[in-house]
Protein backbone atom coordinates (compact mmCIF):
# COMPACT_ATOMS: atom_id res chain seq x y z
CA ASN A 1 73.92 68.54 84.85
CA THR A 2 76.38 65.85 85.92
CA GLN A 3 76.34 63.98 82.62
CA ALA A 4 77.09 67.21 80.75
CA GLU A 5 80.07 67.96 83.02
CA LEU A 6 81.34 64.46 82.50
CA ASP A 7 80.93 64.64 78.74
CA LYS A 8 82.80 67.96 78.56
CA ALA A 9 85.73 66.52 80.48
CA VAL A 10 85.76 63.42 78.30
CA ARG A 11 85.75 65.47 75.08
CA LEU A 12 88.72 67.50 76.31
CA ARG A 13 90.52 64.34 77.29
CA ASP A 14 89.92 62.74 73.94
CA ALA A 15 91.01 65.83 72.03
CA GLU A 16 94.23 66.37 73.98
CA ASP A 17 94.95 62.88 75.17
CA ALA A 18 98.73 63.16 74.70
CA LYS A 19 98.82 66.19 76.97
CA ILE A 20 96.65 64.78 79.74
CA SER A 21 97.90 62.57 82.54
CA PRO A 22 96.38 59.21 83.59
CA ASP A 23 95.11 60.86 86.77
CA VAL A 24 92.46 62.59 84.68
CA ASP A 25 91.43 59.28 83.15
CA GLN A 26 91.09 57.83 86.64
CA LYS A 27 88.88 60.71 87.78
CA LEU A 28 86.71 60.40 84.69
CA ALA A 29 86.29 56.69 85.25
CA GLU A 30 85.29 57.26 88.88
CA ALA A 31 82.90 60.03 87.86
CA ALA A 32 81.20 57.75 85.33
CA ALA A 33 80.94 54.96 87.90
CA ASN A 34 79.37 57.26 90.51
CA LEU A 35 76.91 58.57 87.96
CA GLU A 36 75.81 55.02 87.10
CA GLN A 37 75.47 54.27 90.80
CA ALA A 38 73.32 57.37 91.29
CA ARG A 39 71.03 56.18 88.54
CA ALA A 40 70.81 52.77 90.18
CA PHE A 41 69.97 54.31 93.54
CA THR A 42 67.32 56.44 91.87
CA ALA A 43 65.79 53.34 90.28
CA GLN A 44 65.73 51.73 93.71
CA ARG A 45 64.18 54.90 95.09
CA GLU A 46 67.11 55.40 97.39
CA PHE A 47 67.16 59.09 96.70
CA ILE A 48 69.63 60.15 99.40
CA ALA A 49 72.21 57.67 98.21
CA ALA A 50 71.45 58.66 94.64
CA VAL A 51 72.05 62.36 95.40
CA HIS A 52 75.30 61.57 97.17
CA ALA A 53 76.56 59.43 94.28
CA GLN A 54 75.53 62.05 91.73
CA THR A 55 77.27 64.84 93.69
CA THR A 56 80.44 62.76 93.86
CA ALA A 57 80.25 62.09 90.14
CA ARG A 58 79.82 65.79 89.35
CA GLN A 59 82.76 66.73 91.57
CA LEU A 60 85.00 64.12 89.97
CA ALA A 61 84.00 65.23 86.47
CA THR A 62 84.63 68.87 87.35
CA ASP A 63 88.02 68.05 88.90
CA ALA A 64 88.97 65.91 85.90
CA TYR A 65 88.12 68.69 83.49
CA ALA A 66 90.04 71.26 85.53
CA ALA A 67 93.10 69.02 85.75
CA ALA A 68 92.95 68.20 82.06
CA ASP A 69 92.51 71.83 81.10
CA ALA A 70 95.45 72.91 83.33
CA GLN A 71 97.70 70.29 81.81
CA VAL A 72 96.70 71.24 78.29
CA GLN A 73 97.23 74.92 79.01
CA GLN A 74 100.66 74.27 80.51
CA ILE A 75 101.85 72.25 77.56
CA ASN A 76 100.35 74.68 75.06
CA GLN A 77 102.16 77.54 76.76
CA LEU A 78 105.45 75.64 76.73
CA GLN A 79 104.99 74.79 73.07
CA ASN A 80 104.24 78.42 72.25
CA GLU A 81 107.38 79.52 74.08
CA LEU A 82 109.41 76.95 72.21
CA ALA A 83 107.92 78.07 68.94
CA ALA A 84 109.03 81.60 69.73
CA LEU A 85 112.44 80.72 71.15
CA GLY A 86 113.54 77.75 69.14
CA PRO A 87 114.19 78.97 65.59
CA ARG A 88 115.66 82.30 66.69
CA LEU A 89 117.93 80.67 69.25
CA ASP A 90 119.03 78.04 66.79
CA THR A 91 120.22 80.81 64.48
CA ASP A 92 121.80 82.83 67.28
CA PHE A 93 123.50 79.77 68.72
CA ASP A 94 124.98 78.75 65.38
CA THR A 95 126.22 82.32 64.83
CA ILE A 96 127.80 82.48 68.28
CA MET A 97 129.57 79.17 67.87
CA ALA A 98 130.85 80.22 64.44
CA ASP A 99 132.22 83.42 65.99
CA ALA A 100 133.76 81.38 68.78
CA GLU A 101 135.59 79.22 66.25
CA LEU A 102 137.13 82.40 64.83
CA LEU A 103 138.35 83.26 68.32
CA PRO A 104 140.97 80.60 69.09
CA PRO A 105 141.03 79.22 72.63
CA HIS A 106 144.31 81.00 73.42
CA MET A 107 142.55 84.33 72.81
CA GLN A 108 139.54 83.58 74.98
CA THR A 109 139.23 84.77 78.53
CA GLU A 110 138.33 82.20 81.14
CA PRO A 111 134.78 83.62 81.57
CA THR A 112 134.25 83.38 77.81
CA ALA A 113 135.41 79.77 77.70
CA GLU A 114 133.14 78.88 80.62
CA MET A 115 130.22 80.70 79.02
CA LEU A 116 130.65 78.94 75.69
CA HIS A 117 130.82 75.59 77.47
CA ALA A 118 127.61 76.35 79.37
CA LEU A 119 125.98 77.55 76.17
CA GLN A 120 126.85 74.35 74.36
CA THR A 121 125.67 72.20 77.28
CA ASN A 122 122.31 73.95 77.59
CA MET A 123 121.70 73.87 73.86
CA ASP A 124 122.52 70.18 73.65
CA GLU A 125 120.09 69.41 76.47
CA ALA A 126 117.36 71.50 74.87
CA ARG A 127 117.83 69.81 71.51
CA ARG A 128 117.78 66.33 73.04
CA ALA A 129 114.60 67.19 74.90
CA ARG A 130 113.03 68.55 71.74
CA ALA A 131 114.01 65.47 69.77
CA GLY A 132 112.44 63.14 72.31
CA ALA A 133 109.34 65.22 72.97
CA GLY A 134 107.40 63.68 70.08
CA ARG A 135 107.38 60.31 71.83
CA LEU A 136 106.20 61.66 75.19
CA GLU A 137 102.77 62.25 76.62
CA ASP A 138 101.12 64.18 79.41
CA GLU A 139 103.41 64.72 82.40
CA ALA A 140 106.54 63.42 80.70
CA LEU A 141 105.85 65.69 77.74
CA ALA A 142 105.33 68.62 80.07
CA ALA A 143 108.59 67.84 81.86
CA ALA A 144 110.47 67.60 78.58
CA LEU A 145 108.98 70.83 77.31
CA THR A 146 109.82 72.53 80.59
CA ALA A 147 113.42 71.36 80.28
CA MET A 148 113.52 72.62 76.72
CA VAL A 149 112.20 76.03 77.64
CA THR A 150 114.55 76.26 80.61
CA GLY A 151 117.50 75.28 78.48
CA LEU A 152 116.62 77.64 75.66
CA THR A 153 116.00 80.50 78.08
CA ALA A 154 119.46 79.92 79.49
CA VAL A 155 120.81 79.76 75.96
CA ALA A 156 119.18 83.09 75.16
CA ALA A 157 120.76 84.76 78.18
CA LEU A 158 124.15 83.17 77.51
CA THR A 159 123.97 84.11 73.85
CA THR A 160 123.57 87.78 74.72
CA HIS A 161 126.54 87.71 77.07
CA ALA A 162 128.63 85.53 74.80
CA LYS A 163 128.27 87.98 71.92
CA LYS A 164 129.71 90.75 74.05
CA GLN A 165 132.45 88.56 75.49
CA ILE A 166 133.60 87.37 72.08
CA SER A 167 133.54 90.90 70.66
CA ASP A 168 135.62 92.11 73.63
CA ASP A 169 138.06 89.21 73.82
CA ARG A 170 139.87 89.71 70.52
CA PRO A 171 140.76 93.40 71.01
CA SER A 172 141.67 92.81 74.65
CA TYR A 173 143.91 89.90 73.61
CA ASP A 174 145.49 92.01 70.89
CA ARG A 175 146.20 94.76 73.43
CA LEU A 176 147.81 92.32 75.83
CA ARG A 177 149.89 90.78 73.03
CA ASP A 178 151.06 94.22 71.86
CA GLU A 179 151.91 95.25 75.42
CA THR A 180 153.91 92.04 75.87
CA LEU A 181 155.81 92.55 72.61
CA ALA A 182 156.54 96.16 73.55
CA ALA A 183 157.83 95.07 76.96
CA ILE A 184 160.08 92.44 75.37
CA ARG A 185 161.49 94.90 72.84
CA GLN A 186 162.07 97.56 75.46
CA ALA A 187 163.80 95.04 77.71
CA ASN A 188 165.93 93.88 74.78
CA ARG A 189 167.08 97.46 74.15
CA ALA A 190 167.87 97.82 77.83
CA VAL A 191 169.96 94.63 77.75
CA GLN A 192 171.87 95.83 74.68
CA SER A 193 172.54 99.19 76.30
CA ALA A 194 173.74 97.48 79.48
CA GLU A 195 176.03 95.21 77.44
CA VAL A 196 177.71 98.25 75.89
CA GLN A 197 178.47 99.70 79.33
CA CYS A 198 179.50 96.40 80.91
CA ARG A 199 182.00 95.75 78.08
CA GLN A 200 183.90 98.93 78.96
CA SER A 201 187.25 98.09 80.56
CA ASP A 202 186.63 100.62 83.30
CA ALA A 203 183.43 98.79 84.27
CA GLY A 204 185.29 95.68 85.36
CA THR A 205 182.79 93.10 86.54
CA ALA A 206 180.30 95.65 87.83
CA GLY A 207 176.79 94.81 86.66
CA ASP A 208 177.72 91.40 85.25
CA HIS A 209 175.46 89.42 87.57
CA ALA A 210 172.48 91.70 86.97
CA LEU A 211 173.11 91.54 83.21
CA GLN A 212 173.18 87.75 83.31
CA ARG A 213 169.87 87.71 85.16
CA ALA A 214 168.41 90.02 82.54
CA ARG A 215 169.59 87.79 79.69
CA THR A 216 168.14 84.73 81.40
CA ALA A 217 164.77 86.35 82.10
CA LEU A 218 164.38 88.05 78.72
CA PRO A 219 161.84 86.12 76.58
CA GLY A 220 161.98 85.99 72.82
CA GLU A 221 159.36 87.56 70.60
CA GLY A 222 158.58 84.16 69.13
CA GLU A 223 157.20 83.00 72.47
CA VAL A 224 154.31 85.43 72.04
CA THR A 225 152.92 83.49 69.07
CA GLN A 226 149.85 81.42 70.01
CA ALA A 227 150.42 82.23 73.68
CA THR A 228 147.40 82.15 75.97
CA ARG A 229 146.46 85.16 78.03
CA THR A 230 148.03 83.61 81.10
CA GLN A 231 151.22 82.94 79.16
CA LEU A 232 151.27 86.49 77.80
CA GLN A 233 150.96 87.88 81.31
CA ALA A 234 153.90 85.71 82.40
CA LEU A 235 156.00 86.77 79.39
CA LYS A 236 155.24 90.42 80.05
CA GLN A 237 156.28 90.03 83.67
CA ARG A 238 159.54 88.32 82.64
CA ALA A 239 160.30 91.15 80.22
CA GLN A 240 159.72 93.73 82.93
CA GLU A 241 162.02 91.83 85.30
CA ALA A 242 164.66 91.63 82.56
CA GLN A 243 164.47 95.37 82.01
CA ARG A 244 164.85 96.07 85.73
CA ASP A 245 167.92 93.82 85.87
CA ALA A 246 169.37 95.39 82.72
CA ASP A 247 168.84 98.88 84.11
CA GLU A 248 170.56 97.81 87.32
CA ALA A 249 173.48 96.35 85.36
CA GLU A 250 173.92 99.54 83.33
CA ARG A 251 173.70 101.71 86.43
CA LYS A 252 176.38 99.68 88.22
CA ALA A 253 178.64 99.68 85.16
CA ARG A 254 178.31 103.45 84.73
CA GLU A 255 179.11 103.99 88.40
CA ALA A 256 182.23 101.83 88.10
CA ILE A 257 183.28 103.72 84.96
CA ARG A 258 182.83 107.08 86.70
CA ARG A 259 184.88 105.93 89.67
CA ALA A 260 187.67 104.74 87.38
CA GLN A 261 187.63 108.03 85.49
CA HIS A 262 187.73 109.99 88.74
CA ARG A 263 190.72 107.96 89.92
CA ARG A 264 192.54 108.63 86.66
CA GLN A 265 191.71 112.29 86.81
CA ALA A 266 192.98 112.52 90.39
CA ALA A 267 196.18 110.67 89.49
CA TRP A 268 196.75 112.88 86.44
CA THR A 269 196.21 116.01 88.51
CA THR A 270 198.75 114.85 91.11
CA THR A 271 201.32 113.94 88.44
CA SER A 272 200.77 117.18 86.59
CA SER A 273 201.28 119.19 89.77
CA SER A 274 204.53 117.37 90.56
CA TRP A 275 205.84 117.84 87.03
CA SER A 276 204.92 121.50 87.05
CA SER A 277 206.76 122.07 90.36
CA GLY A 278 209.93 120.32 89.13
CA SER A 279 209.93 122.18 85.83
CA SER A 280 209.58 125.54 87.57
CA TRP A 281 212.54 124.79 89.85
CA SER A 282 214.70 123.77 86.86
CA ARG A 283 213.86 126.88 84.88
CA SER A 284 214.61 129.05 87.91
CA SER A 285 218.03 127.43 88.33
CA GLN A 286 218.82 127.90 84.66
CA ARG A 287 217.91 131.56 84.77
CA SER A 288 220.10 132.12 87.86
CA SER A 289 223.09 130.44 86.21
CA SER A 290 222.64 132.44 83.04
CA ARG A 291 222.58 135.73 84.91
CA SER A 292 225.77 134.80 86.79
CA SER A 293 227.72 134.01 83.61
CA HIS A 294 226.81 137.29 81.87
CA ARG A 295 227.34 139.68 84.79
CA PRO A 296 230.79 141.70 84.51
CA SER A 297 233.26 141.14 87.34
CA SER A 298 234.08 144.17 89.54
CA ARG A 299 237.66 142.97 90.06
CA PRO A 300 239.79 141.31 87.45
CA SER A 301 241.30 138.04 88.21
CA SER A 302 245.00 137.82 89.17
CA SER A 303 245.99 136.27 85.86
CA SER A 304 244.32 139.07 83.98
CA SER A 305 246.10 141.61 86.17
CA SER A 306 249.43 139.91 85.54
CA ARG A 307 248.79 139.87 81.83
CA ARG A 308 247.84 143.51 81.84
CA SER A 309 250.92 144.42 84.07
CA SER A 310 253.29 142.49 81.82
CA SER A 311 251.87 144.15 78.79
CA SER A 312 252.30 147.56 80.36
CA SER A 313 255.92 146.84 81.31
CA SER A 314 256.67 145.63 77.82
CA SER A 315 255.15 148.73 76.40
CA ARG A 316 257.12 150.86 78.69
CA ARG A 317 260.32 149.02 77.75
CA SER A 318 259.59 149.46 74.12
CA SER A 319 259.08 153.12 74.69
CA SER A 320 262.36 153.38 76.63
CA GLY A 321 264.28 151.54 73.95
CA GLY A 322 262.81 153.74 71.32
CA SER A 323 263.69 156.82 73.23
CA SER A 324 267.28 155.68 73.71
CA ARG A 325 267.56 154.92 70.06
CA ARG A 326 266.12 158.22 69.13
CA SER A 327 268.52 159.95 71.57
CA SER A 328 271.58 158.18 70.16
CA SER A 329 270.58 159.04 66.66
CA MET A 330 270.06 162.58 67.53
CA GLY A 331 273.37 162.70 69.41
CA GLY A 332 275.17 161.24 66.44
CA SER A 333 273.61 163.68 64.19
CA ARG A 334 274.62 166.49 66.30
CA ARG A 335 278.15 165.18 66.37
CA ARG A 336 278.23 165.18 62.63
């Protein structure tokens, strides 16, 4: 009966008044008024009007109950979701933010920083909605609870992703930092090696400009400390540019040194050939002169002939004198 339908809707309204909107109250009031009017029409024996008023009252009571029940169910569901999400997400959120504090901003990737910001924003909104929900009723309460559930659902999704991002960010930052340090050290060795070659006198000024570019570009290892990922990428690129310039400087210096050595070698070869030719000619002349001085002459010189002729004449004279003396002596002897 109509009164029973109206009473059921009223009991629900009274029990869950904070969850039920004023629209339900309006419908209940109209239902009660139509029911009273139906009774009045019945008393006046205006049965058609009474039936119409009673039907309207029943419909309003039924609609009021349905609306009230839907609103109560919606809010109850939201509250149940909050009861399930809230405490767990509070713990997860606090854990994530503690982990984020251990990951300094310079180590965070841009997606991680954006995710943490969104996480904080959604959690703040959910907590504000939860704090103000106790003072709200019906539709405003439902809206607040909806905002809370939406915020916490977003927090739950962000928390899952943030955990992975934070766990990945530190090792990826460490890898980038190590790669940057390695590039700087390798470039520094390349610069030192290029300096050794460029200082060679044979190198001249070859490679000097490239070496100066390398020195200018080469970052120091201290610049890596507390550097952001973007800064590390820039430092790594500078180190690689410095190494390329240093390699170019060393290559140019070595080429200049080789050319200088080749020129000296060619000059030495030419000088050595000239010296060898002159020395051979001198030794040949000396040998010819020596052979001429030791070879016996086939004809004696005129002075030698004169000396030998004079000596022969003298010998002959001595022999003649001796013979004469011997003859005289012998003659004398015979005379005696």
